[in-house]
N, C-alpha and C. Protein backbone atom coordinates (compact mmCIF):
# COMPACT_ATOMS: atom_id res chain seq x y z
N VAL A 1 1.10 -32.22 30.47
CA VAL A 1 1.78 -32.48 31.72
C VAL A 1 0.81 -33.26 32.60
N SER A 2 1.30 -34.28 33.18
CA SER A 2 0.49 -35.01 34.15
C SER A 2 1.31 -35.20 35.40
N MET A 3 0.61 -35.30 36.53
CA MET A 3 1.32 -35.50 37.79
C MET A 3 0.44 -36.31 38.73
N ASP A 4 1.09 -37.00 39.60
CA ASP A 4 0.41 -37.80 40.62
C ASP A 4 0.74 -37.21 41.98
N LEU A 5 -0.29 -36.92 42.74
CA LEU A 5 -0.09 -36.43 44.10
C LEU A 5 0.05 -37.63 45.03
N LEU A 6 1.02 -37.58 45.88
CA LEU A 6 1.29 -38.70 46.76
C LEU A 6 0.33 -38.77 47.95
N ALA A 7 -0.12 -37.59 48.38
CA ALA A 7 -1.01 -37.57 49.54
C ALA A 7 -1.84 -36.29 49.50
N PRO A 8 -3.02 -36.28 50.07
CA PRO A 8 -3.80 -35.05 50.12
C PRO A 8 -3.13 -34.03 51.06
N THR A 9 -3.33 -32.77 50.75
CA THR A 9 -2.76 -31.71 51.59
C THR A 9 -3.88 -30.80 52.06
N SER A 10 -3.65 -30.15 53.17
CA SER A 10 -4.64 -29.21 53.68
C SER A 10 -4.39 -27.80 53.16
N GLU A 11 -3.20 -27.56 52.63
CA GLU A 11 -2.87 -26.23 52.12
C GLU A 11 -2.73 -26.30 50.60
N PRO A 12 -2.92 -25.16 49.93
CA PRO A 12 -2.78 -25.16 48.47
C PRO A 12 -1.35 -25.49 48.04
N VAL A 13 -1.24 -26.12 46.91
CA VAL A 13 0.06 -26.48 46.36
C VAL A 13 0.30 -25.62 45.13
N ASP A 14 1.44 -24.94 45.09
CA ASP A 14 1.79 -24.12 43.92
C ASP A 14 2.65 -24.95 42.98
N ILE A 15 2.25 -24.94 41.73
CA ILE A 15 3.00 -25.66 40.70
C ILE A 15 3.33 -24.65 39.62
N HIS A 16 4.58 -24.60 39.22
CA HIS A 16 4.97 -23.69 38.14
C HIS A 16 6.10 -24.32 37.34
N ALA A 17 6.15 -23.89 36.10
CA ALA A 17 7.19 -24.42 35.20
C ALA A 17 8.40 -23.49 35.25
N VAL A 18 9.57 -24.07 35.21
CA VAL A 18 10.82 -23.32 35.20
C VAL A 18 11.58 -23.72 33.94
N ALA A 19 12.04 -22.71 33.21
CA ALA A 19 12.77 -22.99 31.97
C ALA A 19 14.08 -23.71 32.28
N ASP A 20 14.43 -24.66 31.44
CA ASP A 20 15.71 -25.35 31.54
C ASP A 20 16.77 -24.38 31.01
N THR A 21 17.43 -23.70 31.93
CA THR A 21 18.36 -22.63 31.55
C THR A 21 19.43 -23.12 30.58
N ASN A 22 19.98 -24.30 30.81
CA ASN A 22 21.03 -24.81 29.92
C ASN A 22 20.51 -25.02 28.51
N GLN A 23 19.30 -25.53 28.36
CA GLN A 23 18.73 -25.75 27.03
C GLN A 23 18.46 -24.42 26.33
N VAL A 24 17.95 -23.45 27.07
CA VAL A 24 17.68 -22.13 26.49
C VAL A 24 18.99 -21.48 26.05
N ILE A 25 20.02 -21.58 26.88
CA ILE A 25 21.33 -21.01 26.52
C ILE A 25 21.87 -21.70 25.26
N HIS A 26 21.71 -23.01 25.18
CA HIS A 26 22.16 -23.74 23.99
C HIS A 26 21.41 -23.25 22.74
N THR A 27 20.12 -23.01 22.86
CA THR A 27 19.33 -22.51 21.73
C THR A 27 19.77 -21.10 21.34
N VAL A 28 20.02 -20.24 22.31
CA VAL A 28 20.48 -18.88 22.02
C VAL A 28 21.87 -18.92 21.41
N GLU A 29 22.74 -19.81 21.87
CA GLU A 29 24.07 -19.97 21.25
C GLU A 29 23.94 -20.35 19.78
N ALA A 30 22.99 -21.23 19.47
CA ALA A 30 22.77 -21.63 18.07
C ALA A 30 22.29 -20.43 17.26
N PHE A 31 21.42 -19.60 17.83
CA PHE A 31 20.95 -18.39 17.16
C PHE A 31 22.12 -17.44 16.90
N VAL A 32 22.96 -17.22 17.90
CA VAL A 32 24.11 -16.31 17.77
C VAL A 32 25.09 -16.86 16.72
N ASP A 33 25.36 -18.17 16.75
CA ASP A 33 26.26 -18.77 15.76
C ASP A 33 25.70 -18.61 14.34
N SER A 34 24.42 -18.83 14.17
CA SER A 34 23.79 -18.68 12.85
C SER A 34 23.88 -17.23 12.38
N TYR A 35 23.60 -16.31 13.29
CA TYR A 35 23.68 -14.89 12.95
C TYR A 35 25.10 -14.53 12.52
N ASN A 36 26.10 -14.98 13.27
CA ASN A 36 27.49 -14.65 12.95
C ASN A 36 27.95 -15.30 11.64
N ARG A 37 27.51 -16.52 11.36
CA ARG A 37 27.82 -17.15 10.07
C ARG A 37 27.19 -16.38 8.92
N PHE A 38 25.97 -15.92 9.15
CA PHE A 38 25.29 -15.11 8.13
C PHE A 38 26.09 -13.84 7.84
N VAL A 39 26.52 -13.15 8.89
CA VAL A 39 27.32 -11.93 8.71
C VAL A 39 28.63 -12.25 8.00
N ASP A 40 29.29 -13.35 8.40
CA ASP A 40 30.55 -13.74 7.75
C ASP A 40 30.35 -14.02 6.26
N ASN A 41 29.28 -14.74 5.92
CA ASN A 41 29.00 -15.04 4.51
C ASN A 41 28.69 -13.78 3.72
N ALA A 42 27.94 -12.89 4.33
CA ALA A 42 27.57 -11.66 3.63
C ALA A 42 28.77 -10.75 3.43
N THR A 43 29.67 -10.69 4.40
CA THR A 43 30.82 -9.80 4.27
C THR A 43 31.94 -10.40 3.43
N SER A 44 31.95 -11.72 3.26
CA SER A 44 33.02 -12.33 2.47
C SER A 44 32.72 -12.33 0.98
N ASN A 45 31.51 -12.01 0.60
CA ASN A 45 31.12 -12.02 -0.81
C ASN A 45 31.40 -10.66 -1.42
N ASP A 46 32.50 -10.53 -2.16
CA ASP A 46 32.87 -9.26 -2.77
C ASP A 46 32.18 -9.01 -4.11
N THR A 47 31.51 -10.00 -4.66
CA THR A 47 30.92 -9.83 -5.98
C THR A 47 29.57 -9.12 -5.93
N ASN A 48 28.92 -9.05 -4.80
CA ASN A 48 27.59 -8.48 -4.71
C ASN A 48 27.55 -7.43 -3.60
N LYS A 49 28.33 -6.36 -3.75
CA LYS A 49 28.46 -5.38 -2.68
C LYS A 49 27.17 -4.64 -2.39
N GLN A 50 26.44 -4.27 -3.42
CA GLN A 50 25.21 -3.50 -3.22
C GLN A 50 24.15 -4.35 -2.51
N GLY A 51 23.92 -5.55 -2.98
CA GLY A 51 22.94 -6.43 -2.36
C GLY A 51 23.34 -6.81 -0.96
N ARG A 52 24.63 -7.09 -0.78
CA ARG A 52 25.15 -7.44 0.55
C ARG A 52 24.93 -6.28 1.51
N SER A 53 25.22 -5.08 1.06
CA SER A 53 25.07 -3.91 1.91
C SER A 53 23.61 -3.71 2.30
N LYS A 54 22.70 -3.89 1.36
CA LYS A 54 21.27 -3.73 1.66
C LYS A 54 20.81 -4.77 2.68
N LEU A 55 21.23 -6.00 2.50
CA LEU A 55 20.82 -7.05 3.42
C LEU A 55 21.42 -6.83 4.82
N LEU A 56 22.69 -6.46 4.89
CA LEU A 56 23.30 -6.18 6.20
C LEU A 56 22.65 -4.98 6.87
N ASN A 57 22.27 -3.96 6.08
CA ASN A 57 21.57 -2.81 6.65
C ASN A 57 20.22 -3.22 7.22
N ASP A 58 19.52 -4.08 6.49
CA ASP A 58 18.22 -4.55 6.99
C ASP A 58 18.37 -5.35 8.28
N ILE A 59 19.41 -6.20 8.33
CA ILE A 59 19.64 -7.00 9.53
C ILE A 59 20.04 -6.10 10.70
N SER A 60 20.91 -5.13 10.46
CA SER A 60 21.31 -4.25 11.57
C SER A 60 20.14 -3.36 12.00
N TYR A 61 19.23 -3.04 11.08
CA TYR A 61 18.02 -2.29 11.44
C TYR A 61 17.20 -3.09 12.44
N ILE A 62 17.06 -4.39 12.18
CA ILE A 62 16.30 -5.25 13.09
C ILE A 62 16.93 -5.21 14.49
N TYR A 63 18.25 -5.31 14.55
CA TYR A 63 18.93 -5.28 15.85
C TYR A 63 18.71 -3.94 16.54
N HIS A 64 18.90 -2.85 15.81
CA HIS A 64 18.81 -1.53 16.43
C HIS A 64 17.39 -1.18 16.87
N GLN A 65 16.38 -1.73 16.20
CA GLN A 65 15.00 -1.52 16.62
C GLN A 65 14.73 -2.17 17.98
N SER A 66 15.41 -3.25 18.30
CA SER A 66 15.21 -3.98 19.56
C SER A 66 16.47 -3.98 20.40
N GLU A 67 17.35 -3.00 20.20
CA GLU A 67 18.67 -3.01 20.85
C GLU A 67 18.57 -3.08 22.37
N ASP A 68 17.68 -2.30 22.97
CA ASP A 68 17.55 -2.32 24.43
C ASP A 68 17.15 -3.71 24.93
N ASP A 69 16.22 -4.36 24.19
CA ASP A 69 15.80 -5.70 24.57
C ASP A 69 16.94 -6.71 24.42
N PHE A 70 17.73 -6.57 23.34
CA PHE A 70 18.88 -7.46 23.14
C PHE A 70 19.88 -7.30 24.28
N ILE A 71 20.20 -6.06 24.61
CA ILE A 71 21.20 -5.80 25.65
C ILE A 71 20.72 -6.31 26.99
N SER A 72 19.45 -6.09 27.31
CA SER A 72 18.95 -6.59 28.60
C SER A 72 18.91 -8.12 28.63
N ALA A 73 18.86 -8.74 27.44
CA ALA A 73 18.90 -10.21 27.36
C ALA A 73 20.32 -10.74 27.32
N GLY A 74 21.32 -9.86 27.28
CA GLY A 74 22.71 -10.30 27.29
C GLY A 74 23.29 -10.50 25.91
N LEU A 75 22.68 -9.91 24.88
CA LEU A 75 23.17 -10.03 23.51
C LEU A 75 23.49 -8.65 22.96
N SER A 76 24.64 -8.52 22.33
CA SER A 76 25.03 -7.24 21.74
C SER A 76 25.83 -7.49 20.47
N ILE A 77 26.05 -6.41 19.72
CA ILE A 77 26.78 -6.47 18.46
C ILE A 77 28.10 -5.74 18.64
N ASP A 78 29.21 -6.37 18.20
CA ASP A 78 30.51 -5.72 18.30
C ASP A 78 30.79 -4.89 17.05
N ASP A 79 32.00 -4.33 16.95
CA ASP A 79 32.36 -3.46 15.83
C ASP A 79 32.37 -4.17 14.48
N SER A 80 32.57 -5.48 14.48
CA SER A 80 32.59 -6.23 13.23
C SER A 80 31.22 -6.82 12.87
N ASN A 81 30.16 -6.31 13.52
CA ASN A 81 28.77 -6.74 13.30
C ASN A 81 28.50 -8.16 13.77
N HIS A 82 29.36 -8.73 14.58
CA HIS A 82 29.12 -10.06 15.13
C HIS A 82 28.38 -9.94 16.46
N MET A 83 27.50 -10.88 16.70
CA MET A 83 26.74 -10.88 17.94
C MET A 83 27.56 -11.58 19.02
N ILE A 84 27.59 -10.98 20.19
CA ILE A 84 28.29 -11.58 21.33
C ILE A 84 27.29 -11.77 22.46
N MET A 85 27.58 -12.75 23.29
CA MET A 85 26.65 -13.16 24.32
C MET A 85 27.30 -13.02 25.69
N ASP A 86 26.61 -12.39 26.62
CA ASP A 86 27.04 -12.27 28.00
C ASP A 86 26.25 -13.31 28.79
N LEU A 87 26.92 -14.42 29.16
CA LEU A 87 26.22 -15.54 29.80
C LEU A 87 25.55 -15.16 31.12
N GLY A 88 26.18 -14.28 31.88
CA GLY A 88 25.59 -13.85 33.15
C GLY A 88 24.27 -13.13 32.94
N ARG A 89 24.28 -12.18 32.04
CA ARG A 89 23.05 -11.44 31.72
C ARG A 89 22.01 -12.34 31.07
N LEU A 90 22.49 -13.24 30.20
CA LEU A 90 21.56 -14.14 29.52
C LEU A 90 20.84 -15.03 30.54
N SER A 91 21.57 -15.58 31.49
CA SER A 91 20.95 -16.41 32.52
C SER A 91 19.92 -15.61 33.32
N GLY A 92 20.26 -14.38 33.66
CA GLY A 92 19.32 -13.53 34.38
C GLY A 92 18.08 -13.21 33.56
N SER A 93 18.28 -12.98 32.27
CA SER A 93 17.13 -12.66 31.42
C SER A 93 16.22 -13.87 31.20
N ILE A 94 16.79 -15.06 31.27
CA ILE A 94 15.97 -16.27 31.18
C ILE A 94 15.09 -16.38 32.42
N LYS A 95 15.67 -16.10 33.57
CA LYS A 95 14.93 -16.23 34.83
C LYS A 95 13.87 -15.14 35.00
N ASN A 96 14.18 -13.90 34.57
CA ASN A 96 13.20 -12.82 34.78
C ASN A 96 12.24 -12.62 33.61
N GLY A 97 12.39 -13.37 32.53
CA GLY A 97 11.44 -13.32 31.42
C GLY A 97 11.78 -12.35 30.31
N ASP A 98 12.91 -11.61 30.42
CA ASP A 98 13.28 -10.67 29.36
C ASP A 98 13.52 -11.38 28.03
N LEU A 99 14.11 -12.55 28.08
CA LEU A 99 14.40 -13.29 26.85
C LEU A 99 13.10 -13.71 26.17
N ARG A 100 12.12 -14.09 26.95
CA ARG A 100 10.81 -14.47 26.39
C ARG A 100 10.17 -13.28 25.70
N GLU A 101 10.31 -12.09 26.29
CA GLU A 101 9.76 -10.88 25.66
C GLU A 101 10.48 -10.57 24.35
N LEU A 102 11.78 -10.79 24.29
CA LEU A 102 12.55 -10.52 23.08
C LEU A 102 12.16 -11.43 21.94
N PHE A 103 12.04 -12.73 22.22
CA PHE A 103 11.77 -13.71 21.17
C PHE A 103 10.31 -14.18 21.15
N GLY A 104 9.44 -13.57 21.93
CA GLY A 104 8.05 -14.00 22.01
C GLY A 104 7.30 -13.84 20.70
N ASP A 105 6.14 -14.47 20.62
CA ASP A 105 5.34 -14.46 19.40
C ASP A 105 4.94 -13.07 18.95
N ASN A 106 4.66 -12.17 19.88
CA ASN A 106 4.20 -10.83 19.53
C ASN A 106 5.29 -9.77 19.69
N SER A 107 6.54 -10.19 19.75
CA SER A 107 7.63 -9.23 19.95
C SER A 107 7.92 -8.44 18.69
N SER A 108 8.46 -7.25 18.86
CA SER A 108 8.81 -6.42 17.71
C SER A 108 9.94 -7.07 16.91
N LEU A 109 10.81 -7.83 17.57
CA LEU A 109 11.89 -8.53 16.87
C LEU A 109 11.30 -9.51 15.85
N ARG A 110 10.37 -10.32 16.27
CA ARG A 110 9.76 -11.29 15.35
C ARG A 110 9.02 -10.59 14.22
N LYS A 111 8.33 -9.50 14.53
CA LYS A 111 7.61 -8.76 13.49
C LYS A 111 8.59 -8.18 12.48
N ASN A 112 9.70 -7.62 12.95
CA ASN A 112 10.70 -7.05 12.04
C ASN A 112 11.37 -8.13 11.20
N ILE A 113 11.69 -9.27 11.80
CA ILE A 113 12.30 -10.38 11.05
C ILE A 113 11.33 -10.86 9.97
N THR A 114 10.05 -10.98 10.32
CA THR A 114 9.05 -11.41 9.35
C THR A 114 8.93 -10.41 8.21
N ARG A 115 8.96 -9.12 8.53
CA ARG A 115 8.85 -8.08 7.50
C ARG A 115 10.04 -8.12 6.54
N ILE A 116 11.25 -8.23 7.08
CA ILE A 116 12.44 -8.28 6.23
C ILE A 116 12.44 -9.56 5.40
N THR A 117 12.07 -10.67 6.00
CA THR A 117 12.01 -11.93 5.26
C THR A 117 10.99 -11.84 4.13
N ASP A 118 9.85 -11.21 4.40
CA ASP A 118 8.85 -11.02 3.34
C ASP A 118 9.40 -10.15 2.22
N ASN A 119 10.14 -9.09 2.57
CA ASN A 119 10.74 -8.22 1.55
C ASN A 119 11.70 -8.99 0.66
N VAL A 120 12.54 -9.83 1.27
CA VAL A 120 13.50 -10.62 0.51
C VAL A 120 12.76 -11.63 -0.38
N THR A 121 11.71 -12.21 0.15
CA THR A 121 10.94 -13.20 -0.61
C THR A 121 10.20 -12.56 -1.77
N ILE A 122 9.61 -11.40 -1.55
CA ILE A 122 8.82 -10.73 -2.59
C ILE A 122 9.71 -10.12 -3.66
N ASP A 123 10.83 -9.53 -3.27
CA ASP A 123 11.68 -8.84 -4.24
C ASP A 123 13.14 -9.23 -4.04
N PRO A 124 13.51 -10.48 -4.37
CA PRO A 124 14.90 -10.91 -4.16
C PRO A 124 15.90 -10.18 -5.05
N ILE A 125 15.46 -9.66 -6.17
CA ILE A 125 16.39 -8.96 -7.07
C ILE A 125 16.90 -7.67 -6.43
N ALA A 126 16.15 -7.12 -5.48
CA ALA A 126 16.61 -5.91 -4.78
C ALA A 126 17.88 -6.18 -3.98
N TYR A 127 18.16 -7.45 -3.68
CA TYR A 127 19.33 -7.82 -2.89
C TYR A 127 20.45 -8.39 -3.75
N VAL A 128 20.32 -8.25 -5.06
CA VAL A 128 21.32 -8.74 -6.00
C VAL A 128 21.83 -7.55 -6.80
N ASP A 129 23.13 -7.45 -6.93
CA ASP A 129 23.73 -6.34 -7.66
C ASP A 129 23.83 -6.71 -9.13
N LYS A 130 22.71 -6.67 -9.81
CA LYS A 130 22.67 -7.01 -11.24
C LYS A 130 21.87 -5.94 -11.96
N LEU A 131 22.30 -5.61 -13.14
CA LEU A 131 21.58 -4.68 -14.00
C LEU A 131 20.74 -5.51 -14.97
N MET A 132 19.46 -5.20 -15.04
CA MET A 132 18.60 -5.94 -15.95
C MET A 132 18.10 -4.98 -17.01
N VAL A 133 18.33 -5.33 -18.27
CA VAL A 133 17.91 -4.52 -19.40
C VAL A 133 17.07 -5.39 -20.31
N SER A 134 15.96 -4.84 -20.77
CA SER A 134 15.06 -5.57 -21.66
C SER A 134 14.96 -4.80 -22.97
N TYR A 135 15.21 -5.48 -24.09
CA TYR A 135 15.09 -4.88 -25.41
C TYR A 135 14.08 -5.69 -26.23
N PRO A 136 12.79 -5.54 -25.95
CA PRO A 136 11.83 -6.31 -26.74
C PRO A 136 11.71 -5.74 -28.15
N ASN A 137 11.47 -6.60 -29.08
CA ASN A 137 11.28 -6.19 -30.47
C ASN A 137 9.81 -5.85 -30.65
N MET A 138 9.48 -4.58 -30.46
CA MET A 138 8.08 -4.16 -30.50
C MET A 138 7.52 -4.14 -31.92
N ALA A 139 8.39 -4.10 -32.93
CA ALA A 139 7.92 -4.07 -34.33
C ALA A 139 7.31 -5.41 -34.73
N GLN A 140 7.81 -6.49 -34.19
CA GLN A 140 7.34 -7.81 -34.59
C GLN A 140 6.30 -8.38 -33.64
N THR A 141 5.99 -7.70 -32.58
CA THR A 141 5.05 -8.25 -31.62
C THR A 141 3.82 -7.38 -31.51
N SER A 142 2.71 -8.00 -31.25
CA SER A 142 1.47 -7.26 -31.05
C SER A 142 1.06 -7.26 -29.57
N TYR A 143 1.87 -7.86 -28.74
CA TYR A 143 1.57 -7.91 -27.31
C TYR A 143 2.41 -6.87 -26.57
N PRO A 144 1.94 -6.43 -25.41
CA PRO A 144 2.71 -5.42 -24.65
C PRO A 144 3.98 -6.04 -24.06
N ASN A 145 4.89 -5.17 -23.74
CA ASN A 145 6.15 -5.58 -23.13
C ASN A 145 5.86 -6.19 -21.75
N PRO A 146 6.21 -7.47 -21.54
CA PRO A 146 5.89 -8.09 -20.25
C PRO A 146 6.69 -7.51 -19.09
N TYR A 147 7.76 -6.77 -19.35
CA TYR A 147 8.55 -6.19 -18.28
C TYR A 147 7.95 -4.89 -17.74
N VAL A 148 6.99 -4.31 -18.45
CA VAL A 148 6.42 -3.04 -18.01
C VAL A 148 5.63 -3.20 -16.71
N PRO A 149 4.70 -4.15 -16.59
CA PRO A 149 3.97 -4.25 -15.32
C PRO A 149 4.86 -4.73 -14.17
N SER A 150 5.81 -5.60 -14.46
CA SER A 150 6.67 -6.13 -13.41
C SER A 150 7.87 -6.80 -14.04
N LYS A 151 9.04 -6.57 -13.46
CA LYS A 151 10.23 -7.25 -13.97
C LYS A 151 10.12 -8.75 -13.78
N TYR A 152 9.39 -9.18 -12.74
CA TYR A 152 9.22 -10.61 -12.51
C TYR A 152 8.30 -11.24 -13.56
N ALA A 153 7.28 -10.49 -13.99
CA ALA A 153 6.42 -11.00 -15.06
C ALA A 153 7.23 -11.21 -16.33
N GLY A 154 8.11 -10.26 -16.63
CA GLY A 154 8.97 -10.41 -17.80
C GLY A 154 9.92 -11.57 -17.68
N LEU A 155 10.51 -11.75 -16.51
CA LEU A 155 11.43 -12.87 -16.30
C LEU A 155 10.70 -14.20 -16.42
N LEU A 156 9.48 -14.26 -15.89
CA LEU A 156 8.69 -15.49 -16.03
C LEU A 156 8.31 -15.72 -17.48
N TYR A 157 7.89 -14.65 -18.18
CA TYR A 157 7.49 -14.78 -19.57
C TYR A 157 8.65 -15.31 -20.43
N ASN A 158 9.84 -14.83 -20.18
CA ASN A 158 11.00 -15.25 -20.93
C ASN A 158 11.65 -16.51 -20.36
N GLN A 159 11.01 -17.11 -19.39
CA GLN A 159 11.42 -18.38 -18.78
C GLN A 159 12.80 -18.28 -18.09
N TYR A 160 13.08 -17.12 -17.51
CA TYR A 160 14.31 -16.97 -16.73
C TYR A 160 14.10 -17.42 -15.28
N LEU A 161 12.85 -17.46 -14.84
CA LEU A 161 12.55 -17.90 -13.47
C LEU A 161 11.80 -19.20 -13.52
């Protein structure tokens, strides 16, 4: 940020930044739309009920861990698990800093989202309703079963991943 002073002053000048409320609201609307599309996609998939249920439970856990912060920021979840936005509260939370606390770098929301994302990344099969069975022919092999230490090691060994 740079600025030019037009004239010297004898009193101190206060300078502060003010968030562009309309831009912040637009960004939060995009977040809410993405969240609702995610819920719609997860609930419309009837082929993977167990994985879908686990993922939706993890997402609702994130919301419930920060529910008070969401509500004070003007965001809540309805009966169909869709996020709804109260523009009046949202505008107030932008001005008083509640929204910054909710989405800030050190917020519990970000930590929980990172943790769930890491879980999905590390063990994606936990979110898929598939039964995996391995029948290695131990009589013809002298090496250990690659699925014993990790199912992912076995999948990689057999070139499934």
